[in-house]
Amino acid sequence: MSRGLTPRVAAVLVVLLLPLGAWLVIRALWPEPVAPTVAAIPLDEPASPQPSADPANQTPALRGKILDSQGNPAPGANVRLITPAAPYRVLHDTTSDREGSFAFELVAGRVRVVADRDPAGFVTSAVLETTGGASKDITLVLSATSGIRGTVADAHARPIGGARITVEGMPWTVPIATSDNAGAFHQIVVPNEATAVVVQAQGYETARVPLAQRQSDVELVVPVQLRASSTNDASLGDSVPGSVEGVVLDEQGVGVPLFTIAVQGGREPAYRPHTFDDPSGAFVVDRLAPGSYVLSASAPGKPPGHTGTIDVQAGTATRGVKIFLAPSGSVVGLVFDKQHAPLPGVDLYLGTPGSPTSTTAHTDESGRFHFDFAPVGALTVRVQRAGFQTRIISGLQVRSGATLTSNVVLSPESDDAASP
């Protein structure tokens, strides 16, 4: 007869089996985590390439590179996508990067690419077919042989300096050239699309030279003769004209690149204002009959500036004229003798430490004088008239927008002779 489990043994078994049963219950109720699936890449097959982040590779594009004549990248070139034939229309434009590269969104149809960079030159692509929807890559080399050079002269074969040479016929602009004192000019960048050269000079009628016979990639030589405008012909008469050359500067002595010059005096009360575009602020006003003139200059965002009286001689160029577009004031006053009688016809010269006789004035019948647009700062006035001692008044201070009054008394020369 077999013996059953004693109470003590049963109790021990219960204590040992309870944790195991609890663990089995929990294991059955809690879901087993799913292990991640890893796809192995065979070692003998490369992984698929990732899509490029470059938008030009995601969207069909017309890409290219601009090189100079030595084959080096041409950064900063103006690149335009245009219609293939006249009338030309610019579809897109951009600037080449530091590697000379550019990219345009693909435009379906027939297009051309033109690029220019001064002084490297200009280039035009062949007509490109872009109807397939696939990206295209081109390389363009700038050439400086597509320019135009020439001379500008009047009807008597006298050279004309300071003439502005532009080109027309394209829906974009190119740099402006200016003839030198010998009348010579060189327009480096002239696209093949240009239809005419336009030449303008103060006192002359505008001339247009057609470019219909121009050969591609061959520099054209153009002699230009300008006819005097009817406005200034009468003022010249039979006299040989003179000219005035100078520069327009700001208050810090830096050339003003875009400005307008007006001329007053001579045989005509006024000459038509002429606009100059020069990085150094240089200008040449020619076709001036012999006489006395005052030149004034104006520019956007700056106060106007004036010269003193300039005497122009026949056939002579007056050089070194400076016009400052800077804050200014006025100096006015009276000139008397020792008996307090007004002195007419007195010459006064207003100057600065760097320019002792920059502006001149004369007293009227009542002895009054005035200097308009006097430069701000320390000034000196020299006062002189025949029969009187010359006086120099220094230490004058002119403030911007203010008028300074200074009266002057001149002593006869006899007083100086009588002094010991």
Protein backbone atom coordinates (compact mmCIF):
# COMPACT_ATOMS: atom_id res chain seq x y z
CA MET A 1 0.00 0.00 0.00
CA SER A 2 1.58 3.17 -1.14
CA ARG A 3 1.98 6.19 1.04
CA GLY A 4 0.61 9.64 -0.09
CA LEU A 5 2.41 12.98 0.12
CA THR A 6 2.80 14.24 3.57
CA PRO A 7 1.42 17.68 4.31
CA ARG A 8 4.91 19.09 4.74
CA VAL A 9 6.03 17.89 1.26
CA ALA A 10 2.86 19.21 -0.38
CA ALA A 11 3.41 22.61 1.10
CA VAL A 12 6.96 22.76 -0.25
CA LEU A 13 5.76 21.81 -3.74
CA VAL A 14 3.10 24.52 -3.71
CA VAL A 15 5.67 27.16 -2.74
CA LEU A 16 7.98 26.08 -5.57
CA LEU A 17 5.32 25.77 -8.28
CA LEU A 18 3.41 29.04 -7.64
CA PRO A 19 6.11 31.38 -9.19
CA LEU A 20 6.46 29.11 -12.19
CA GLY A 21 2.72 29.14 -12.78
CA ALA A 22 2.55 32.90 -12.44
CA TRP A 23 5.38 33.33 -14.99
CA LEU A 24 3.59 31.01 -17.46
CA VAL A 25 0.38 33.02 -17.14
CA ILE A 26 2.19 36.34 -17.75
CA ARG A 27 4.12 34.88 -20.70
CA ALA A 28 0.88 33.73 -22.29
CA LEU A 29 -0.85 37.09 -21.91
CA TRP A 30 2.10 39.46 -22.98
CA PRO A 31 2.74 39.59 -26.84
CA GLU A 32 6.15 38.55 -28.02
CA PRO A 33 8.09 41.51 -29.64
CA VAL A 34 8.65 41.25 -33.35
CA ALA A 35 12.32 41.37 -34.31
CA PRO A 36 13.19 43.96 -37.07
CA THR A 37 13.75 42.57 -40.51
CA VAL A 38 17.14 43.49 -42.07
CA ALA A 39 17.54 43.16 -45.82
CA ALA A 40 21.05 42.05 -46.62
CA ILE A 41 22.81 43.59 -49.66
CA PRO A 42 24.92 41.09 -51.52
CA LEU A 43 28.58 42.04 -51.52
CA ASP A 44 28.93 41.57 -55.30
CA GLU A 45 26.05 44.04 -56.14
CA PRO A 46 26.33 47.81 -55.46
CA ALA A 47 23.58 49.59 -53.56
CA SER A 48 21.13 51.66 -55.61
CA PRO A 49 22.27 55.32 -55.89
CA GLN A 50 20.35 57.91 -53.85
CA PRO A 51 18.53 60.74 -55.70
CA SER A 52 20.68 63.87 -56.06
CA ALA A 53 19.78 66.98 -54.01
CA ASP A 54 20.74 69.14 -56.99
CA PRO A 55 17.53 70.58 -58.49
CA ALA A 56 19.19 70.66 -61.90
CA ASN A 57 19.40 66.84 -61.75
CA GLN A 58 15.79 66.46 -60.63
CA THR A 59 14.25 68.71 -63.32
CA PRO A 60 15.29 68.71 -66.99
CA ALA A 61 17.62 71.69 -67.43
CA LEU A 62 19.88 73.43 -69.88
CA ARG A 63 23.24 73.49 -68.15
CA GLY A 64 26.54 74.83 -69.29
CA LYS A 65 29.88 76.43 -68.56
CA ILE A 66 31.34 79.75 -69.72
CA LEU A 67 35.08 79.83 -70.42
CA ASP A 68 37.42 82.64 -71.39
CA SER A 69 39.63 82.51 -74.48
CA GLN A 70 42.32 80.63 -72.49
CA GLY A 71 39.86 77.94 -71.45
CA ASN A 72 39.59 79.12 -67.85
CA PRO A 73 36.22 79.37 -66.06
CA ALA A 74 34.62 82.81 -66.48
CA PRO A 75 32.74 83.65 -63.27
CA GLY A 76 30.33 86.59 -63.22
CA ALA A 77 29.44 86.37 -66.92
CA ASN A 78 25.98 87.57 -67.91
CA VAL A 79 24.17 84.56 -69.39
CA ARG A 80 20.81 84.86 -71.16
CA LEU A 81 18.44 82.36 -72.74
CA ILE A 82 16.86 84.05 -75.77
CA THR A 83 14.59 83.30 -78.70
CA PRO A 84 16.55 82.17 -81.77
CA ALA A 85 15.63 84.99 -84.17
CA ALA A 86 14.62 88.63 -84.25
CA PRO A 87 12.74 90.21 -82.62
CA TYR A 88 14.79 88.74 -79.79
CA ARG A 89 13.24 88.11 -76.42
CA VAL A 90 15.02 87.20 -73.17
CA LEU A 91 13.40 84.09 -71.67
CA HIS A 92 15.68 83.72 -68.64
CA ASP A 93 18.89 85.33 -67.43
CA THR A 94 21.46 84.47 -64.79
CA THR A 95 25.13 84.93 -63.87
CA SER A 96 27.79 82.23 -64.05
CA ASP A 97 29.15 81.04 -60.69
CA ARG A 98 32.78 80.85 -59.58
CA GLU A 99 33.28 77.76 -61.75
CA GLY A 100 31.76 79.49 -64.77
CA SER A 101 28.69 77.23 -64.56
CA PHE A 102 25.05 78.16 -65.15
CA ALA A 103 21.70 76.39 -65.45
CA PHE A 104 18.28 77.25 -66.87
CA GLU A 105 15.02 75.41 -66.46
CA LEU A 106 14.39 73.64 -69.73
CA VAL A 107 12.17 75.58 -72.16
CA ALA A 108 10.57 73.50 -74.89
CA GLY A 109 11.31 74.69 -78.41
CA ARG A 110 14.22 76.36 -80.18
CA VAL A 111 16.44 78.68 -78.09
CA ARG A 112 19.91 80.18 -78.01
CA VAL A 113 22.28 81.08 -75.19
CA VAL A 114 24.26 84.32 -75.25
CA ALA A 115 26.86 85.38 -72.70
CA ASP A 116 29.15 88.33 -72.17
CA ARG A 117 31.72 89.56 -69.70
CA ASP A 118 33.76 92.71 -70.03
CA PRO A 119 36.55 92.61 -71.13
CA ALA A 120 36.63 88.88 -71.92
CA GLY A 121 34.13 89.27 -74.73
CA PHE A 122 30.91 87.78 -76.01
CA VAL A 123 29.64 84.43 -77.27
CA THR A 124 26.48 83.12 -78.96
CA SER A 125 25.48 79.47 -79.04
CA ALA A 126 24.01 77.66 -82.01
CA VAL A 127 20.25 77.20 -82.10
CA LEU A 128 19.36 74.52 -79.54
CA GLU A 129 16.44 72.09 -79.85
CA THR A 130 14.90 71.50 -76.41
CA THR A 131 11.72 69.62 -77.34
CA GLY A 132 12.92 66.19 -76.18
CA GLY A 133 12.51 66.94 -72.47
CA ALA A 134 16.04 65.73 -71.63
CA SER A 135 18.68 67.90 -70.02
CA LYS A 136 21.34 69.45 -72.24
CA ASP A 137 24.91 70.47 -71.45
CA ILE A 138 26.88 73.03 -73.47
CA THR A 139 30.21 74.84 -73.18
CA LEU A 140 30.67 78.37 -74.53
CA VAL A 141 33.96 80.24 -74.98
CA LEU A 142 34.01 84.03 -74.79
CA SER A 143 35.71 85.84 -77.65
CA ALA A 144 36.96 89.43 -77.69
CA THR A 145 37.00 89.56 -81.50
CA SER A 146 33.31 90.46 -81.82
CA GLY A 147 33.84 94.09 -80.86
CA ILE A 148 33.79 97.34 -82.79
CA ARG A 149 36.47 99.99 -82.88
CA GLY A 150 36.56 103.28 -84.72
CA THR A 151 36.94 107.05 -84.62
CA VAL A 152 34.55 109.94 -84.16
CA ALA A 153 35.21 113.23 -86.00
CA ASP A 154 33.33 116.30 -87.20
CA ALA A 155 32.78 117.47 -90.77
CA HIS A 156 36.30 119.00 -90.81
CA ALA A 157 37.93 115.72 -89.71
CA ARG A 158 38.61 117.11 -86.23
CA PRO A 159 38.46 114.38 -83.57
CA ILE A 160 35.60 114.50 -81.07
CA GLY A 161 36.37 113.32 -77.55
CA GLY A 162 33.80 112.30 -74.98
CA ALA A 163 31.33 110.85 -77.50
CA ARG A 164 29.13 108.04 -76.12
CA ILE A 165 29.01 104.84 -78.18
CA THR A 166 26.17 102.39 -77.56
CA VAL A 167 24.59 99.58 -79.55
CA GLU A 168 20.94 98.80 -80.17
CA GLY A 169 18.88 95.89 -81.48
CA MET A 170 18.92 93.59 -78.43
CA PRO A 171 16.52 93.39 -75.48
CA TRP A 172 19.41 93.94 -73.06
CA THR A 173 22.16 96.51 -72.61
CA VAL A 174 25.92 96.29 -72.99
CA PRO A 175 28.64 98.54 -71.54
CA ILE A 176 28.95 102.07 -72.95
CA ALA A 177 32.18 103.15 -74.65
CA THR A 178 33.52 106.73 -74.80
CA SER A 179 35.82 108.23 -77.42
CA ASP A 180 39.15 109.58 -76.18
CA ASN A 181 40.77 112.93 -77.01
CA ALA A 182 41.88 111.55 -80.38
CA GLY A 183 38.28 110.53 -81.13
CA ALA A 184 39.10 106.81 -80.91
CA PHE A 185 36.81 104.27 -79.26
CA HIS A 186 36.67 100.51 -78.72
CA GLN A 187 33.39 98.77 -77.92
CA ILE A 188 34.61 95.37 -76.71
CA VAL A 189 31.33 93.53 -76.26
CA VAL A 190 28.97 93.85 -79.24
CA PRO A 191 26.56 90.91 -79.65
CA ASN A 192 25.87 89.55 -83.11
CA GLU A 193 22.22 90.48 -82.53
CA ALA A 194 23.08 94.22 -82.48
CA THR A 195 21.62 96.12 -85.43
CA ALA A 196 23.33 99.52 -85.15
CA VAL A 197 26.01 101.54 -83.40
CA VAL A 198 24.68 104.78 -81.88
CA VAL A 199 27.09 107.71 -81.39
CA GLN A 200 26.14 110.80 -79.38
CA ALA A 201 28.15 113.91 -78.51
CA GLN A 202 27.36 117.31 -77.06
CA GLY A 203 26.54 119.80 -79.81
CA TYR A 204 26.15 117.18 -82.56
CA GLU A 205 23.34 115.24 -84.13
CA THR A 206 23.08 111.58 -83.13
CA ALA A 207 24.54 109.16 -85.69
CA ARG A 208 23.44 105.54 -86.26
CA VAL A 209 25.69 103.16 -88.18
CA PRO A 210 23.91 99.96 -89.35
CA LEU A 211 25.61 96.63 -88.66
CA ALA A 212 23.89 94.64 -91.42
CA GLN A 213 27.23 93.81 -93.15
CA ARG A 214 28.97 92.72 -89.97
CA GLN A 215 30.79 89.37 -90.10
CA SER A 216 30.60 87.03 -87.15
CA ASP A 217 33.73 86.87 -84.94
CA VAL A 218 35.45 89.68 -86.87
CA GLU A 219 36.15 93.00 -85.21
CA LEU A 220 34.57 95.78 -87.22
CA VAL A 221 36.23 99.18 -87.80
CA VAL A 222 33.72 102.02 -88.01
CA PRO A 223 34.69 105.64 -88.82
CA VAL A 224 31.88 107.95 -87.65
CA GLN A 225 31.36 111.54 -88.77
CA LEU A 226 29.02 113.72 -86.73
CA ARG A 227 27.15 116.73 -88.02
CA ALA A 228 26.94 119.79 -85.81
CA SER A 229 23.45 120.35 -84.45
CA SER A 230 21.62 123.45 -85.65
CA THR A 231 21.36 124.69 -82.05
CA ASN A 232 25.08 125.28 -81.72
CA ASP A 233 26.10 126.03 -85.33
CA ALA A 234 25.06 129.68 -85.15
CA SER A 235 26.93 130.23 -81.91
CA LEU A 236 30.21 129.02 -83.40
CA GLY A 237 30.22 131.15 -86.51
CA ASP A 238 33.67 131.00 -88.11
CA SER A 239 35.48 130.50 -84.79
CA VAL A 240 37.50 127.40 -84.01
CA PRO A 241 35.75 125.76 -81.04
CA GLY A 242 37.37 124.95 -77.72
CA SER A 243 36.51 122.45 -75.01
CA VAL A 244 36.45 121.91 -71.25
CA GLU A 245 37.64 118.67 -69.64
CA GLY A 246 37.21 117.79 -66.02
CA VAL A 247 35.80 115.47 -63.39
CA VAL A 248 32.78 115.45 -61.10
CA LEU A 249 33.55 114.37 -57.51
CA ASP A 250 31.55 113.76 -54.35
CA GLU A 251 32.34 115.26 -50.95
CA GLN A 252 35.04 112.62 -50.35
CA GLY A 253 36.78 113.24 -53.67
CA VAL A 254 35.45 110.07 -55.33
CA GLY A 255 34.28 110.23 -58.94
CA VAL A 256 30.52 110.37 -59.48
CA PRO A 257 29.73 107.78 -62.20
CA LEU A 258 26.44 109.19 -63.53
CA PHE A 259 25.80 112.93 -63.78
CA THR A 260 24.49 115.72 -65.99
CA ILE A 261 26.49 118.75 -67.13
CA ALA A 262 24.87 122.03 -68.13
CA VAL A 263 26.79 124.94 -69.67
CA GLN A 264 25.89 128.61 -69.42
CA GLY A 265 27.59 131.60 -71.00
CA GLY A 266 29.28 132.29 -74.30
CA ARG A 267 27.23 133.52 -77.22
CA GLU A 268 24.22 131.40 -76.26
CA PRO A 269 22.38 131.79 -72.93
CA ALA A 270 22.44 128.04 -72.30
CA TYR A 271 23.49 124.74 -73.88
CA ARG A 272 21.36 121.67 -73.63
CA PRO A 273 22.31 119.52 -70.60
CA HIS A 274 24.25 116.37 -71.42
CA THR A 275 24.36 113.21 -69.29
CA PHE A 276 27.68 111.41 -68.79
CA ASP A 277 28.24 107.84 -67.61
CA ASP A 278 31.86 107.36 -66.57
CA PRO A 279 33.17 105.33 -63.58
CA SER A 280 35.77 108.00 -62.72
CA GLY A 281 33.38 110.95 -63.14
CA ALA A 282 35.25 112.32 -66.16
CA PHE A 283 33.60 114.54 -68.77
CA VAL A 284 34.47 116.48 -71.92
CA VAL A 285 32.33 119.40 -73.13
CA ASP A 286 33.41 120.39 -76.63
CA ARG A 287 32.16 122.53 -79.51
CA LEU A 288 32.31 125.64 -77.31
CA ALA A 289 32.80 128.97 -79.05
CA PRO A 290 35.53 131.14 -77.49
CA GLY A 291 34.13 132.93 -74.46
CA SER A 292 33.40 132.65 -70.74
CA TYR A 293 31.31 129.80 -69.34
CA VAL A 294 30.02 128.37 -66.07
CA LEU A 295 29.53 124.61 -65.86
CA SER A 296 27.07 123.04 -63.44
CA ALA A 297 26.76 119.37 -62.54
CA SER A 298 23.90 117.45 -60.98
CA ALA A 299 23.44 113.81 -59.96
CA PRO A 300 20.65 111.82 -58.30
CA GLY A 301 20.65 112.19 -54.52
CA LYS A 302 23.35 114.87 -54.41
CA PRO A 303 23.34 118.68 -54.23
CA PRO A 304 24.35 120.43 -57.48
CA GLY A 305 27.83 121.80 -58.04
CA HIS A 306 29.18 124.67 -60.14
CA THR A 307 32.48 125.91 -61.49
CA GLY A 308 33.64 129.49 -61.45
CA THR A 309 33.93 131.37 -64.71
CA ILE A 310 35.96 129.39 -67.26
CA ASP A 311 37.53 131.21 -70.20
CA VAL A 312 37.54 129.02 -73.32
CA GLN A 313 40.10 129.87 -75.98
CA ALA A 314 39.73 129.03 -79.69
CA GLY A 315 41.07 125.56 -80.48
CA THR A 316 42.18 125.00 -76.88
CA ALA A 317 41.10 122.43 -74.30
CA THR A 318 40.74 123.74 -70.74
CA ARG A 319 41.68 120.76 -68.56
CA GLY A 320 41.72 119.89 -64.88
CA VAL A 321 38.29 121.33 -64.04
CA LYS A 322 36.77 119.84 -60.87
CA ILE A 323 33.12 120.06 -59.87
CA PHE A 324 32.25 118.91 -56.36
CA LEU A 325 28.76 117.64 -55.58
CA ALA A 326 28.98 118.28 -51.86
CA PRO A 327 27.05 120.15 -49.13
CA SER A 328 27.42 123.88 -49.74
CA GLY A 329 26.56 127.34 -48.46
CA SER A 330 26.87 130.92 -49.72
CA VAL A 331 29.21 133.86 -49.19
CA VAL A 332 27.87 137.37 -49.85
CA GLY A 333 28.99 140.90 -49.01
CA LEU A 334 29.93 144.41 -50.11
CA VAL A 335 33.26 145.95 -51.12
CA PHE A 336 33.90 149.62 -50.16
CA ASP A 337 36.74 152.10 -50.35
CA LYS A 338 38.00 153.95 -47.28
CA GLN A 339 35.30 156.60 -47.70
CA HIS A 340 32.67 153.82 -47.56
CA ALA A 341 31.80 154.26 -51.23
CA PRO A 342 30.86 151.02 -53.03
CA LEU A 343 33.44 149.67 -55.49
CA PRO A 344 32.10 148.03 -58.68
CA GLY A 345 34.19 145.72 -60.89
CA VAL A 346 36.20 144.19 -58.04
CA ASP A 347 37.51 140.65 -58.66
CA LEU A 348 37.04 138.15 -55.83
CA TYR A 349 38.50 134.65 -55.68
CA LEU A 350 37.06 132.08 -53.28
CA GLY A 351 39.25 129.13 -52.41
CA THR A 352 39.89 126.29 -50.01
CA PRO A 353 43.23 125.15 -48.57
CA GLY A 354 43.54 122.60 -51.40
CA SER A 355 42.28 124.91 -54.17
CA PRO A 356 43.13 128.57 -53.56
CA THR A 357 41.17 129.98 -56.55
CA SER A 358 38.36 127.53 -57.21
CA THR A 359 35.54 130.08 -57.77
CA THR A 360 35.45 133.69 -58.94
CA ALA A 361 32.96 136.53 -58.57
CA HIS A 362 32.73 140.24 -59.39
CA THR A 363 31.05 143.13 -57.61
CA ASP A 364 28.12 144.85 -59.33
CA GLU A 365 27.46 148.60 -59.54
CA SER A 366 26.51 148.71 -55.87
CA GLY A 367 29.64 146.87 -54.78
CA ARG A 368 27.79 143.63 -53.98
CA PHE A 369 29.16 140.17 -54.61
CA HIS A 370 27.96 136.65 -53.95
CA PHE A 371 29.38 133.15 -54.15
CA ASP A 372 26.71 130.49 -54.54
CA PHE A 373 27.43 126.83 -53.76
CA ALA A 374 30.50 127.65 -51.69
CA PRO A 375 32.11 124.49 -50.26
CA VAL A 376 31.50 123.80 -46.59
CA GLY A 377 34.45 124.40 -44.26
CA ALA A 378 37.38 126.80 -44.06
CA LEU A 379 37.59 129.31 -46.93
CA THR A 380 39.78 132.18 -48.08
CA VAL A 381 38.72 135.14 -50.23
CA ARG A 382 41.21 137.20 -52.24
CA VAL A 383 39.93 140.67 -53.22
CA GLN A 384 41.67 142.81 -55.81
CA ARG A 385 41.09 145.75 -58.14
CA ALA A 386 43.45 147.93 -60.14
CA GLY A 387 44.53 150.97 -58.11
CA PHE A 388 43.83 149.29 -54.77
CA GLN A 389 45.79 147.06 -52.44
CA THR A 390 44.94 143.35 -52.67
CA ARG A 391 43.31 141.94 -49.55
CA ILE A 392 43.22 138.31 -48.46
CA ILE A 393 40.56 137.34 -45.94
CA SER A 394 41.15 133.94 -44.36
CA GLY A 395 39.53 131.93 -41.62
CA LEU A 396 36.01 132.12 -43.05
CA GLN A 397 33.80 129.18 -42.08
CA VAL A 398 30.80 128.21 -44.21
CA ARG A 399 28.14 125.82 -42.93
CA SER A 400 25.92 123.66 -45.09
CA GLY A 401 22.83 125.56 -46.24
CA ALA A 402 23.93 128.78 -44.48
CA THR A 403 24.86 132.20 -45.89
CA LEU A 404 27.98 133.94 -44.60
CA THR A 405 28.19 137.76 -44.94
CA SER A 406 31.61 139.37 -45.22
CA ASN A 407 32.14 143.05 -46.10
CA VAL A 408 35.53 144.23 -47.35
CA VAL A 409 37.25 147.64 -47.35
CA LEU A 410 40.03 148.25 -49.89
CA SER A 411 42.74 150.82 -49.45
CA PRO A 412 44.29 152.73 -52.37
CA GLU A 413 47.72 151.66 -53.54
CA SER A 414 48.98 155.15 -52.65
CA ASP A 415 48.49 154.32 -48.97
CA ASP A 416 50.90 151.43 -49.32
CA ALA A 417 53.45 153.60 -51.14
CA ALA A 418 53.25 156.35 -48.49
CA SER A 419 53.83 153.93 -45.59
CA PRO A 420 57.45 153.75 -44.29
